Amino acid sequence: MSAFLGPIHTWLYNKIKFQDAMADAVLDLSGEKEYIRDLREKTAGRYGELGKGQLEDLIETDNIHGWLQEKVSLVENRLAYAVTALVSRDPESLSSVKEAIFQLGKKNSMDQDVTAGKAYEHLENTLLNGMPCDRVNEVVRETEDGLVWQQTQDIHAASWALVQGDPKHYYALREALIKGMLDDTGIEFIQTGDQVFELRRRSCTESIS
């Protein structure tokens, strides 16, 4: 089956799996803290699960694009539902969720000497932003000290709207994740405007935006 697959499909599926790991971190937290004991079962019953194994053993080779699009929606919906269920039950749980996602970021930390450009490349290779054809992120400016990019569309909001959730929670979790990834590096992540984000050297005192 692997003959039908290209590197871009594996690249995308790895991003899908990482987003699923974010949802799993939330579901694990819910079980450990007993926020909602059966939240994992409720989430699986509503959306199903990604499944385990190698991509070539799972994918429908006669519908590669459609299968991957379905999995993108699945993991987006799982995360939105799990977080919204917890925060709806207990708004204070959001801080614990962010800490769990921060720790996930630390487990997937970047090299200590990473540059802003390489950090952005790492995020592009790790974080799920729809399908490649969506072209969600666009670099606005890059210098020796930093990089600025903007999102051309909010690709995540629809999944949160489906569960009456707040898309801002997604971005709060993503910020916690990225900060965890960068925690031991000389690069920091900040949002500088509406859908505008920056990676820059921590020693820099001014934005390059």
N, C-alpha and C. Protein backbone atom coordinates (compact mmCIF):
# COMPACT_ATOMS: atom_id res chain seq x y z
N MET A 1 0.82 -1.22 0.00
CA MET A 1 0.00 0.00 0.00
C MET A 1 0.84 1.26 0.00
N SER A 2 2.06 1.19 0.58
CA SER A 2 2.86 2.39 0.74
C SER A 2 3.21 3.03 -0.60
N ALA A 3 3.14 2.26 -1.71
CA ALA A 3 3.46 2.81 -3.01
C ALA A 3 2.48 3.91 -3.41
N PHE A 4 1.29 3.92 -2.82
CA PHE A 4 0.29 4.92 -3.13
C PHE A 4 0.50 6.20 -2.32
N LEU A 5 1.36 6.14 -1.33
CA LEU A 5 1.53 7.25 -0.42
C LEU A 5 2.79 8.04 -0.75
N GLY A 6 2.75 9.34 -0.48
CA GLY A 6 3.90 10.19 -0.65
C GLY A 6 4.32 10.79 0.68
N PRO A 7 5.49 11.43 0.73
CA PRO A 7 5.96 12.04 1.98
C PRO A 7 4.97 13.03 2.58
N ILE A 8 4.23 13.75 1.74
CA ILE A 8 3.30 14.75 2.26
C ILE A 8 2.18 14.09 3.07
N HIS A 9 1.81 12.88 2.70
CA HIS A 9 0.74 12.19 3.43
C HIS A 9 1.23 11.77 4.82
N THR A 10 2.46 11.27 4.88
CA THR A 10 3.05 10.90 6.17
C THR A 10 3.24 12.14 7.03
N TRP A 11 3.71 13.22 6.43
CA TRP A 11 3.90 14.51 7.12
C TRP A 11 2.59 14.98 7.75
N LEU A 12 1.51 14.94 6.96
CA LEU A 12 0.21 15.39 7.47
C LEU A 12 -0.29 14.45 8.56
N TYR A 13 -0.12 13.15 8.38
CA TYR A 13 -0.63 12.22 9.37
C TYR A 13 0.10 12.36 10.70
N ASN A 14 1.39 12.66 10.66
CA ASN A 14 2.12 12.91 11.90
C ASN A 14 1.57 14.12 12.64
N LYS A 15 1.16 15.15 11.90
CA LYS A 15 0.53 16.33 12.51
C LYS A 15 -0.82 15.97 13.11
N ILE A 16 -1.56 15.12 12.41
CA ILE A 16 -2.85 14.65 12.92
C ILE A 16 -2.64 13.90 14.24
N LYS A 17 -1.64 13.03 14.27
CA LYS A 17 -1.37 12.26 15.49
C LYS A 17 -0.96 13.17 16.64
N PHE A 18 -0.23 14.23 16.33
CA PHE A 18 0.18 15.13 17.41
C PHE A 18 -1.03 15.86 17.99
N GLN A 19 -1.94 16.30 17.13
CA GLN A 19 -3.15 16.95 17.66
C GLN A 19 -3.95 15.95 18.49
N ASP A 20 -3.95 14.69 18.08
CA ASP A 20 -4.65 13.67 18.86
C ASP A 20 -3.98 13.50 20.22
N ALA A 21 -2.66 13.65 20.26
CA ALA A 21 -1.95 13.57 21.54
C ALA A 21 -2.36 14.72 22.46
N MET A 22 -2.66 15.87 21.89
CA MET A 22 -3.17 16.99 22.70
C MET A 22 -4.51 16.61 23.32
N ALA A 23 -5.39 16.03 22.52
CA ALA A 23 -6.69 15.60 23.05
C ALA A 23 -6.51 14.54 24.12
N ASP A 24 -5.58 13.61 23.89
CA ASP A 24 -5.33 12.56 24.88
C ASP A 24 -4.83 13.14 26.20
N ALA A 25 -3.99 14.18 26.12
CA ALA A 25 -3.49 14.81 27.34
C ALA A 25 -4.65 15.40 28.15
N VAL A 26 -5.62 15.98 27.45
CA VAL A 26 -6.79 16.55 28.12
C VAL A 26 -7.64 15.44 28.74
N LEU A 27 -7.83 14.37 27.99
CA LEU A 27 -8.65 13.26 28.48
C LEU A 27 -7.98 12.55 29.65
N ASP A 28 -6.65 12.41 29.58
CA ASP A 28 -5.91 11.81 30.70
C ASP A 28 -6.07 12.67 31.96
N LEU A 29 -5.97 13.98 31.79
CA LEU A 29 -6.12 14.90 32.92
C LEU A 29 -7.50 14.76 33.54
N SER A 30 -8.52 14.68 32.70
CA SER A 30 -9.89 14.57 33.20
C SER A 30 -10.05 13.32 34.05
N GLY A 31 -9.44 12.22 33.61
CA GLY A 31 -9.52 10.99 34.38
C GLY A 31 -8.76 11.06 35.68
N GLU A 32 -7.55 11.62 35.63
CA GLU A 32 -6.70 11.71 36.82
C GLU A 32 -7.31 12.61 37.88
N LYS A 33 -7.84 13.75 37.45
CA LYS A 33 -8.42 14.73 38.38
C LYS A 33 -9.88 14.43 38.70
N GLU A 34 -10.42 13.44 37.99
CA GLU A 34 -11.84 13.08 38.15
C GLU A 34 -12.76 14.26 37.88
N TYR A 35 -12.38 15.05 36.86
CA TYR A 35 -13.27 16.13 36.44
C TYR A 35 -14.54 15.52 35.83
N ILE A 36 -14.33 14.69 34.81
CA ILE A 36 -15.42 13.93 34.20
C ILE A 36 -14.84 12.54 33.95
N ARG A 37 -15.19 11.60 34.79
CA ARG A 37 -14.53 10.30 34.78
C ARG A 37 -14.64 9.57 33.44
N ASP A 38 -15.79 9.67 32.80
CA ASP A 38 -16.01 8.91 31.57
C ASP A 38 -15.89 9.79 30.33
N LEU A 39 -15.13 10.88 30.43
CA LEU A 39 -15.03 11.78 29.29
C LEU A 39 -14.39 11.11 28.08
N ARG A 40 -13.39 10.25 28.31
CA ARG A 40 -12.76 9.56 27.19
C ARG A 40 -13.78 8.69 26.45
N GLU A 41 -14.60 7.99 27.18
CA GLU A 41 -15.62 7.13 26.56
C GLU A 41 -16.66 7.97 25.82
N LYS A 42 -17.05 9.09 26.42
CA LYS A 42 -18.03 9.96 25.76
C LYS A 42 -17.46 10.54 24.47
N THR A 43 -16.19 10.91 24.51
CA THR A 43 -15.55 11.49 23.33
C THR A 43 -15.44 10.44 22.22
N ALA A 44 -15.04 9.24 22.60
CA ALA A 44 -14.92 8.16 21.62
C ALA A 44 -16.28 7.79 21.03
N GLY A 45 -17.31 7.78 21.89
CA GLY A 45 -18.64 7.45 21.41
C GLY A 45 -19.17 8.47 20.44
N ARG A 46 -18.76 9.70 20.62
CA ARG A 46 -19.26 10.77 19.77
C ARG A 46 -18.48 10.90 18.46
N TYR A 47 -17.17 10.73 18.54
CA TYR A 47 -16.33 10.99 17.36
C TYR A 47 -15.52 9.79 16.88
N GLY A 48 -15.46 8.74 17.67
CA GLY A 48 -14.58 7.64 17.31
C GLY A 48 -13.17 7.93 17.78
N GLU A 49 -12.23 7.11 17.34
CA GLU A 49 -10.83 7.28 17.72
C GLU A 49 -9.96 7.20 16.48
N LEU A 50 -8.77 7.75 16.58
CA LEU A 50 -7.88 7.82 15.42
C LEU A 50 -7.42 6.44 15.00
N GLY A 51 -7.17 5.57 15.95
CA GLY A 51 -6.68 4.24 15.62
C GLY A 51 -5.17 4.18 15.74
N LYS A 52 -4.67 2.99 15.93
CA LYS A 52 -3.23 2.78 16.11
C LYS A 52 -2.67 2.02 14.91
N GLY A 53 -1.39 2.20 14.68
CA GLY A 53 -0.74 1.46 13.61
C GLY A 53 -0.11 2.37 12.59
N GLN A 54 0.50 1.78 11.59
CA GLN A 54 1.17 2.52 10.53
C GLN A 54 0.16 3.08 9.54
N LEU A 55 0.47 4.23 8.99
CA LEU A 55 -0.44 4.89 8.06
C LEU A 55 -0.81 3.99 6.89
N GLU A 56 0.18 3.30 6.32
CA GLU A 56 -0.09 2.46 5.15
C GLU A 56 -1.05 1.32 5.46
N ASP A 57 -1.17 0.96 6.74
CA ASP A 57 -2.09 -0.12 7.12
C ASP A 57 -3.48 0.39 7.46
N LEU A 58 -3.63 1.71 7.60
CA LEU A 58 -4.89 2.29 8.03
C LEU A 58 -5.63 3.03 6.92
N ILE A 59 -4.88 3.68 6.05
CA ILE A 59 -5.48 4.61 5.10
C ILE A 59 -6.23 3.89 3.99
N GLU A 60 -7.26 4.54 3.47
CA GLU A 60 -7.98 4.05 2.31
C GLU A 60 -7.25 4.55 1.08
N THR A 61 -6.53 3.66 0.42
CA THR A 61 -5.66 4.10 -0.67
C THR A 61 -6.43 4.58 -1.91
N ASP A 62 -7.70 4.25 -2.00
CA ASP A 62 -8.50 4.74 -3.12
C ASP A 62 -9.18 6.07 -2.78
N ASN A 63 -8.92 6.57 -1.56
CA ASN A 63 -9.52 7.84 -1.13
C ASN A 63 -8.59 8.52 -0.13
N ILE A 64 -7.33 8.69 -0.52
CA ILE A 64 -6.32 9.20 0.40
C ILE A 64 -6.68 10.58 0.93
N HIS A 65 -7.03 11.50 0.05
CA HIS A 65 -7.33 12.87 0.47
C HIS A 65 -8.55 12.89 1.40
N GLY A 66 -9.60 12.18 1.00
CA GLY A 66 -10.82 12.17 1.81
C GLY A 66 -10.59 11.54 3.17
N TRP A 67 -9.79 10.46 3.21
CA TRP A 67 -9.51 9.79 4.48
C TRP A 67 -8.74 10.72 5.41
N LEU A 68 -7.73 11.40 4.89
CA LEU A 68 -6.95 12.31 5.72
C LEU A 68 -7.79 13.50 6.19
N GLN A 69 -8.65 14.02 5.31
CA GLN A 69 -9.53 15.12 5.70
C GLN A 69 -10.46 14.69 6.84
N GLU A 70 -10.94 13.47 6.76
CA GLU A 70 -11.80 12.93 7.81
C GLU A 70 -11.06 12.86 9.15
N LYS A 71 -9.79 12.46 9.10
CA LYS A 71 -9.01 12.35 10.33
C LYS A 71 -8.65 13.72 10.89
N VAL A 72 -8.44 14.69 10.01
CA VAL A 72 -8.22 16.06 10.48
C VAL A 72 -9.44 16.52 11.28
N SER A 73 -10.62 16.30 10.73
CA SER A 73 -11.86 16.71 11.42
C SER A 73 -12.03 15.95 12.73
N LEU A 74 -11.68 14.67 12.72
CA LEU A 74 -11.84 13.85 13.92
C LEU A 74 -11.02 14.40 15.08
N VAL A 75 -9.74 14.67 14.84
CA VAL A 75 -8.90 15.11 15.95
C VAL A 75 -9.20 16.55 16.36
N GLU A 76 -9.61 17.38 15.41
CA GLU A 76 -10.04 18.74 15.76
C GLU A 76 -11.26 18.67 16.67
N ASN A 77 -12.21 17.83 16.29
CA ASN A 77 -13.45 17.72 17.06
C ASN A 77 -13.22 17.11 18.43
N ARG A 78 -12.34 16.11 18.51
CA ARG A 78 -12.05 15.48 19.80
C ARG A 78 -11.49 16.49 20.79
N LEU A 79 -10.53 17.30 20.33
CA LEU A 79 -9.93 18.28 21.22
C LEU A 79 -10.94 19.33 21.65
N ALA A 80 -11.69 19.85 20.69
CA ALA A 80 -12.68 20.89 21.01
C ALA A 80 -13.72 20.37 21.99
N TYR A 81 -14.20 19.15 21.77
CA TYR A 81 -15.23 18.58 22.64
C TYR A 81 -14.70 18.33 24.05
N ALA A 82 -13.52 17.75 24.15
CA ALA A 82 -12.96 17.41 25.46
C ALA A 82 -12.73 18.66 26.29
N VAL A 83 -12.12 19.67 25.68
CA VAL A 83 -11.84 20.91 26.42
C VAL A 83 -13.13 21.62 26.80
N THR A 84 -14.06 21.70 25.86
CA THR A 84 -15.31 22.41 26.13
C THR A 84 -16.11 21.70 27.22
N ALA A 85 -16.11 20.38 27.22
CA ALA A 85 -16.82 19.64 28.27
C ALA A 85 -16.24 19.95 29.64
N LEU A 86 -14.91 19.98 29.73
CA LEU A 86 -14.28 20.26 31.02
C LEU A 86 -14.55 21.69 31.47
N VAL A 87 -14.34 22.63 30.58
CA VAL A 87 -14.48 24.05 30.96
C VAL A 87 -15.93 24.39 31.26
N SER A 88 -16.86 23.73 30.56
CA SER A 88 -18.29 23.96 30.85
C SER A 88 -18.64 23.45 32.23
N ARG A 89 -18.04 22.33 32.62
CA ARG A 89 -18.29 21.76 33.94
C ARG A 89 -17.62 22.58 35.03
N ASP A 90 -16.38 23.01 34.76
CA ASP A 90 -15.61 23.75 35.76
C ASP A 90 -14.66 24.70 35.05
N PRO A 91 -15.01 25.98 34.92
CA PRO A 91 -14.16 26.94 34.22
C PRO A 91 -12.74 27.01 34.78
N GLU A 92 -12.57 26.71 36.06
CA GLU A 92 -11.25 26.76 36.67
C GLU A 92 -10.33 25.65 36.16
N SER A 93 -10.91 24.64 35.54
CA SER A 93 -10.09 23.52 35.05
C SER A 93 -9.21 23.92 33.87
N LEU A 94 -9.51 25.05 33.24
CA LEU A 94 -8.74 25.48 32.08
C LEU A 94 -7.26 25.66 32.42
N SER A 95 -6.98 26.15 33.62
CA SER A 95 -5.58 26.35 34.00
C SER A 95 -4.85 25.01 34.08
N SER A 96 -5.52 23.98 34.57
CA SER A 96 -4.91 22.65 34.64
C SER A 96 -4.73 22.06 33.24
N VAL A 97 -5.69 22.32 32.37
CA VAL A 97 -5.58 21.85 30.99
C VAL A 97 -4.38 22.50 30.31
N LYS A 98 -4.23 23.80 30.49
CA LYS A 98 -3.09 24.50 29.88
C LYS A 98 -1.77 23.96 30.41
N GLU A 99 -1.72 23.66 31.69
CA GLU A 99 -0.48 23.11 32.27
C GLU A 99 -0.17 21.74 31.67
N ALA A 100 -1.20 20.92 31.47
CA ALA A 100 -1.00 19.59 30.87
C ALA A 100 -0.47 19.73 29.45
N ILE A 101 -0.99 20.69 28.71
CA ILE A 101 -0.53 20.91 27.34
C ILE A 101 0.87 21.51 27.32
N PHE A 102 1.16 22.37 28.28
CA PHE A 102 2.53 22.92 28.41
C PHE A 102 3.52 21.77 28.62
N GLN A 103 3.17 20.83 29.47
CA GLN A 103 4.05 19.69 29.73
C GLN A 103 4.20 18.81 28.50
N LEU A 104 3.14 18.67 27.71
CA LEU A 104 3.25 17.96 26.44
C LEU A 104 4.25 18.66 25.54
N GLY A 105 4.21 20.00 25.54
CA GLY A 105 5.18 20.76 24.76
C GLY A 105 6.60 20.51 25.22
N LYS A 106 6.80 20.47 26.52
CA LYS A 106 8.14 20.22 27.06
C LYS A 106 8.64 18.83 26.67
N LYS A 107 7.74 17.86 26.60
CA LYS A 107 8.14 16.52 26.19
C LYS A 107 8.53 16.48 24.71
N ASN A 108 8.13 17.50 23.98
CA ASN A 108 8.45 17.61 22.56
C ASN A 108 9.24 18.90 22.32
N SER A 109 10.18 19.15 23.22
CA SER A 109 10.92 20.41 23.19
C SER A 109 11.84 20.52 21.98
N MET A 110 12.14 21.73 21.62
CA MET A 110 13.05 22.01 20.52
C MET A 110 14.48 22.08 21.04
N ASP A 111 15.44 22.01 20.12
CA ASP A 111 16.85 22.12 20.50
C ASP A 111 17.11 23.45 21.19
N GLN A 112 17.99 23.44 22.17
CA GLN A 112 18.27 24.65 22.94
C GLN A 112 18.78 25.79 22.06
N ASP A 113 19.51 25.47 21.00
CA ASP A 113 20.08 26.51 20.15
C ASP A 113 19.24 26.79 18.91
N VAL A 114 17.95 26.44 18.95
CA VAL A 114 17.09 26.64 17.80
C VAL A 114 16.97 28.12 17.47
N THR A 115 16.90 28.45 16.20
CA THR A 115 16.66 29.82 15.76
C THR A 115 15.16 30.04 15.58
N ALA A 116 14.76 31.30 15.42
CA ALA A 116 13.34 31.58 15.19
C ALA A 116 12.86 30.91 13.91
N GLY A 117 13.68 30.94 12.88
CA GLY A 117 13.30 30.31 11.62
C GLY A 117 13.12 28.82 11.75
N LYS A 118 14.05 28.18 12.44
CA LYS A 118 13.95 26.74 12.64
C LYS A 118 12.79 26.38 13.57
N ALA A 119 12.51 27.26 14.55
CA ALA A 119 11.37 27.03 15.44
C ALA A 119 10.07 27.08 14.66
N TYR A 120 9.96 28.03 13.75
CA TYR A 120 8.76 28.13 12.92
C TYR A 120 8.62 26.88 12.05
N GLU A 121 9.73 26.44 11.49
CA GLU A 121 9.72 25.22 10.67
C GLU A 121 9.25 24.02 11.49
N HIS A 122 9.71 23.96 12.73
CA HIS A 122 9.30 22.86 13.61
C HIS A 122 7.78 22.92 13.87
N LEU A 123 7.27 24.11 14.12
CA LEU A 123 5.83 24.25 14.36
C LEU A 123 5.04 23.86 13.12
N GLU A 124 5.51 24.26 11.96
CA GLU A 124 4.82 23.92 10.72
C GLU A 124 4.80 22.41 10.49
N ASN A 125 5.83 21.73 10.97
CA ASN A 125 5.92 20.29 10.79
C ASN A 125 5.22 19.51 11.90
N THR A 126 4.72 20.22 12.92
CA THR A 126 4.14 19.56 14.08
C THR A 126 2.66 19.89 14.29
N LEU A 127 2.30 21.15 14.18
CA LEU A 127 0.94 21.58 14.50
C LEU A 127 0.01 21.45 13.31
N LEU A 128 -1.20 21.00 13.58
CA LEU A 128 -2.19 20.76 12.54
C LEU A 128 -2.93 22.05 12.21
N ASN A 129 -2.93 22.40 10.94
CA ASN A 129 -3.66 23.57 10.46
C ASN A 129 -4.41 23.23 9.18
N GLY A 130 -5.35 22.29 9.32
CA GLY A 130 -6.12 21.89 8.16
C GLY A 130 -5.30 21.04 7.20
N MET A 131 -5.70 21.04 5.95
CA MET A 131 -5.01 20.32 4.89
C MET A 131 -3.94 21.22 4.28
N PRO A 132 -2.92 20.64 3.66
CA PRO A 132 -1.88 21.46 3.05
C PRO A 132 -2.42 22.51 2.07
N CYS A 133 -3.49 22.15 1.35
CA CYS A 133 -4.05 23.09 0.37
C CYS A 133 -4.71 24.30 1.02
N ASP A 134 -4.96 24.24 2.33
CA ASP A 134 -5.58 25.38 3.02
C ASP A 134 -4.62 26.56 3.17
N ARG A 135 -3.31 26.28 3.19
CA ARG A 135 -2.29 27.34 3.25
C ARG A 135 -2.63 28.37 4.33
N VAL A 136 -2.77 27.89 5.55
CA VAL A 136 -3.26 28.73 6.64
C VAL A 136 -2.24 29.78 7.08
N ASN A 137 -0.96 29.40 7.16
CA ASN A 137 0.05 30.31 7.69
C ASN A 137 0.86 30.97 6.57
N GLU A 138 1.16 32.23 6.81
CA GLU A 138 1.93 33.00 5.82
C GLU A 138 2.96 33.85 6.55
N VAL A 139 4.23 33.64 6.23
CA VAL A 139 5.30 34.43 6.86
C VAL A 139 5.22 35.87 6.37
N VAL A 140 5.22 36.79 7.31
CA VAL A 140 5.13 38.22 7.00
C VAL A 140 6.50 38.87 6.97
N ARG A 141 7.35 38.47 7.93
CA ARG A 141 8.66 39.10 8.05
C ARG A 141 9.61 38.15 8.76
N GLU A 142 10.83 38.11 8.28
CA GLU A 142 11.84 37.28 8.93
C GLU A 142 13.15 38.05 8.97
N THR A 143 13.76 38.11 10.15
CA THR A 143 15.05 38.75 10.32
C THR A 143 15.97 37.78 11.06
N GLU A 144 17.16 38.22 11.33
CA GLU A 144 18.10 37.39 12.08
C GLU A 144 17.59 37.11 13.49
N ASP A 145 16.80 38.05 14.03
CA ASP A 145 16.34 37.93 15.41
C ASP A 145 14.95 37.33 15.58
N GLY A 146 14.18 37.24 14.52
CA GLY A 146 12.83 36.73 14.71
C GLY A 146 12.07 36.51 13.42
N LEU A 147 10.85 36.03 13.59
CA LEU A 147 9.98 35.74 12.46
C LEU A 147 8.54 36.04 12.85
N VAL A 148 7.81 36.68 11.95
CA VAL A 148 6.40 37.01 12.16
C VAL A 148 5.58 36.30 11.10
N TRP A 149 4.47 35.69 11.54
CA TRP A 149 3.56 35.11 10.56
C TRP A 149 2.12 35.42 10.93
N GLN A 150 1.26 35.30 9.96
CA GLN A 150 -0.16 35.51 10.21
C GLN A 150 -0.95 34.31 9.70
N GLN A 151 -2.08 34.08 10.34
CA GLN A 151 -3.02 33.07 9.87
C GLN A 151 -3.97 33.73 8.89
N THR A 152 -4.09 33.16 7.72
CA THR A 152 -4.96 33.72 6.70
C THR A 152 -6.43 33.39 6.95
N GLN A 153 -6.67 32.40 7.81
CA GLN A 153 -8.04 32.02 8.17
C GLN A 153 -8.00 31.27 9.50
N ASP A 154 -9.12 31.31 10.21
CA ASP A 154 -9.21 30.57 11.47
C ASP A 154 -9.76 29.19 11.15
N ILE A 155 -8.85 28.27 10.88
CA ILE A 155 -9.22 26.93 10.45
C ILE A 155 -9.80 26.09 11.57
N HIS A 156 -9.61 26.51 12.82
CA HIS A 156 -10.00 25.70 13.97
C HIS A 156 -11.39 26.05 14.52
N ALA A 157 -11.86 27.25 14.25
CA ALA A 157 -13.06 27.76 14.91
C ALA A 157 -14.30 26.90 14.68
N ALA A 158 -14.43 26.33 13.50
CA ALA A 158 -15.65 25.57 13.17
C ALA A 158 -15.86 24.40 14.12
N SER A 159 -14.79 23.71 14.48
CA SER A 159 -14.92 22.56 15.38
C SER A 159 -15.40 22.99 16.75
N TRP A 160 -14.93 24.13 17.21
CA TRP A 160 -15.34 24.63 18.52
C TRP A 160 -16.78 25.12 18.49
N ALA A 161 -17.18 25.71 17.37
CA ALA A 161 -18.56 26.18 17.24
C ALA A 161 -19.54 25.01 17.30
N LEU A 162 -19.14 23.86 16.76
CA LEU A 162 -20.02 22.69 16.75
C LEU A 162 -20.39 22.23 18.15
N VAL A 163 -19.53 22.50 19.13
CA VAL A 163 -19.79 22.05 20.51
C VAL A 163 -20.08 23.24 21.43
N GLN A 164 -20.44 24.38 20.81
CA GLN A 164 -20.71 25.60 21.56
C GLN A 164 -19.52 25.98 22.46
N GLY A 165 -18.33 25.73 21.94
CA GLY A 165 -17.11 26.07 22.68
C GLY A 165 -16.54 27.40 22.24
N ASP A 166 -15.49 27.80 22.89
CA ASP A 166 -14.84 29.08 22.61
C ASP A 166 -13.53 28.81 21.88
N PRO A 167 -13.40 29.23 20.61
CA PRO A 167 -12.16 29.01 19.87
C PRO A 167 -10.93 29.62 20.55
N LYS A 168 -11.15 30.60 21.41
CA LYS A 168 -10.02 31.21 22.13
C LYS A 168 -9.32 30.17 23.00
N HIS A 169 -10.06 29.17 23.43
CA HIS A 169 -9.45 28.12 24.26
C HIS A 169 -8.42 27.34 23.44
N TYR A 170 -8.71 27.13 22.17
CA TYR A 170 -7.72 26.45 21.33
C TYR A 170 -6.41 27.23 21.30
N TYR A 171 -6.51 28.53 21.09
CA TYR A 171 -5.30 29.34 20.97
C TYR A 171 -4.58 29.47 22.31
N ALA A 172 -5.33 29.43 23.39
CA ALA A 172 -4.68 29.43 24.71
C ALA A 172 -3.88 28.14 24.90
N LEU A 173 -4.44 27.02 24.46
CA LEU A 173 -3.73 25.74 24.57
C LEU A 173 -2.54 25.71 23.62
N ARG A 174 -2.72 26.21 22.43
CA ARG A 174 -1.60 26.21 21.48
C ARG A 174 -0.46 27.07 22.00
N GLU A 175 -0.79 28.20 22.61
CA GLU A 175 0.26 29.05 23.19
C GLU A 175 1.00 28.30 24.30
N ALA A 176 0.25 27.60 25.16
CA ALA A 176 0.89 26.83 26.23
C ALA A 176 1.79 25.75 25.65
N LEU A 177 1.33 25.10 24.60
CA LEU A 177 2.11 24.05 23.95
C LEU A 177 3.41 24.60 23.39
N ILE A 178 3.32 25.69 22.64
CA ILE A 178 4.51 26.28 22.02
C ILE A 178 5.49 26.77 23.08
N LYS A 179 4.97 27.38 24.14
CA LYS A 179 5.84 27.84 25.21
C LYS A 179 6.54 26.67 25.89
N GLY A 180 5.85 25.54 26.00
CA GLY A 180 6.49 24.34 26.53
C GLY A 180 7.61 23.87 25.62
N MET A 181 7.37 23.88 24.33
CA MET A 181 8.38 23.46 23.36
C MET A 181 9.62 24.36 23.40
N LEU A 182 9.39 25.63 23.68
CA LEU A 182 10.46 26.62 23.65
C LEU A 182 11.06 26.92 25.02
N ASP A 183 10.59 26.22 26.05
CA ASP A 183 10.92 26.59 27.42
C ASP A 183 12.43 26.62 27.70
N ASP A 184 13.17 25.72 27.10
CA ASP A 184 14.61 25.65 27.36
C ASP A 184 15.44 26.24 26.22
N THR A 185 14.82 27.07 25.41
CA THR A 185 15.51 27.67 24.27
C THR A 185 15.66 29.17 24.47
N GLY A 186 16.31 29.81 23.54
CA GLY A 186 16.46 31.27 23.57
C GLY A 186 15.42 31.98 22.76
N ILE A 187 14.36 31.26 22.37
CA ILE A 187 13.30 31.83 21.54
C ILE A 187 12.01 31.91 22.34
N GLU A 188 11.28 33.01 22.17
CA GLU A 188 9.98 33.14 22.81
C GLU A 188 8.89 33.32 21.77
N PHE A 189 7.68 32.98 22.16
CA PHE A 189 6.51 33.06 21.28
C PHE A 189 5.53 34.06 21.86
N ILE A 190 5.03 34.97 21.01
CA ILE A 190 4.04 35.93 21.44
C ILE A 190 3.03 36.17 20.31
N GLN A 191 1.83 36.57 20.70
CA GLN A 191 0.85 37.01 19.72
C GLN A 191 0.89 38.53 19.69
N THR A 192 1.08 39.08 18.51
CA THR A 192 1.26 40.54 18.39
C THR A 192 0.05 41.24 17.80
N GLY A 193 -0.93 40.48 17.33
CA GLY A 193 -2.12 41.08 16.75
C GLY A 193 -3.16 40.02 16.47
N ASP A 194 -4.24 40.41 15.81
CA ASP A 194 -5.30 39.47 15.47
C ASP A 194 -4.78 38.48 14.43
N GLN A 195 -4.59 37.23 14.88
CA GLN A 195 -4.08 36.17 14.02
C GLN A 195 -2.65 36.44 13.51
N VAL A 196 -1.92 37.24 14.28
CA VAL A 196 -0.51 37.54 13.95
C VAL A 196 0.36 37.08 15.11
N PHE A 197 1.41 36.33 14.80
CA PHE A 197 2.23 35.69 15.82
C PHE A 197 3.71 35.91 15.52
N GLU A 198 4.52 35.83 16.58
CA GLU A 198 5.94 36.11 16.43
C GLU A 198 6.79 35.15 17.26
N LEU A 199 7.88 34.75 16.69
CA LEU A 199 8.95 34.04 17.39
C LEU A 199 10.16 34.94 17.36
N ARG A 200 10.80 35.18 18.53
CA ARG A 200 11.95 36.05 18.54
C ARG A 200 12.91 35.67 19.67
N ARG A 201 14.13 36.14 19.54
CA ARG A 201 15.12 35.90 20.58
C ARG A 201 14.66 36.53 21.88
N ARG A 202 14.85 35.82 22.97
CA ARG A 202 14.40 36.35 24.27
C ARG A 202 15.14 37.62 24.65
N SER A 203 16.33 37.81 24.12
CA SER A 203 17.10 39.00 24.45
C SER A 203 16.58 40.25 23.76
N CYS A 204 15.73 40.04 22.73
CA CYS A 204 15.20 41.18 22.00
C CYS A 204 14.11 41.85 22.85
N THR A 205 14.17 43.14 22.98
CA THR A 205 13.21 43.86 23.81
C THR A 205 12.08 44.46 22.98
N GLU A 206 12.23 44.49 21.66
CA GLU A 206 11.22 45.08 20.82
C GLU A 206 10.74 44.08 19.78
N SER A 207 9.45 44.14 19.47
CA SER A 207 8.91 43.27 18.44
C SER A 207 9.47 43.64 17.09
N ILE A 208 9.59 42.65 16.19
CA ILE A 208 10.06 42.95 14.85
C ILE A 208 8.87 43.17 13.92
N SER A 209 7.65 43.14 14.45
CA SER A 209 6.45 43.31 13.62
C SER A 209 6.46 44.67 12.95
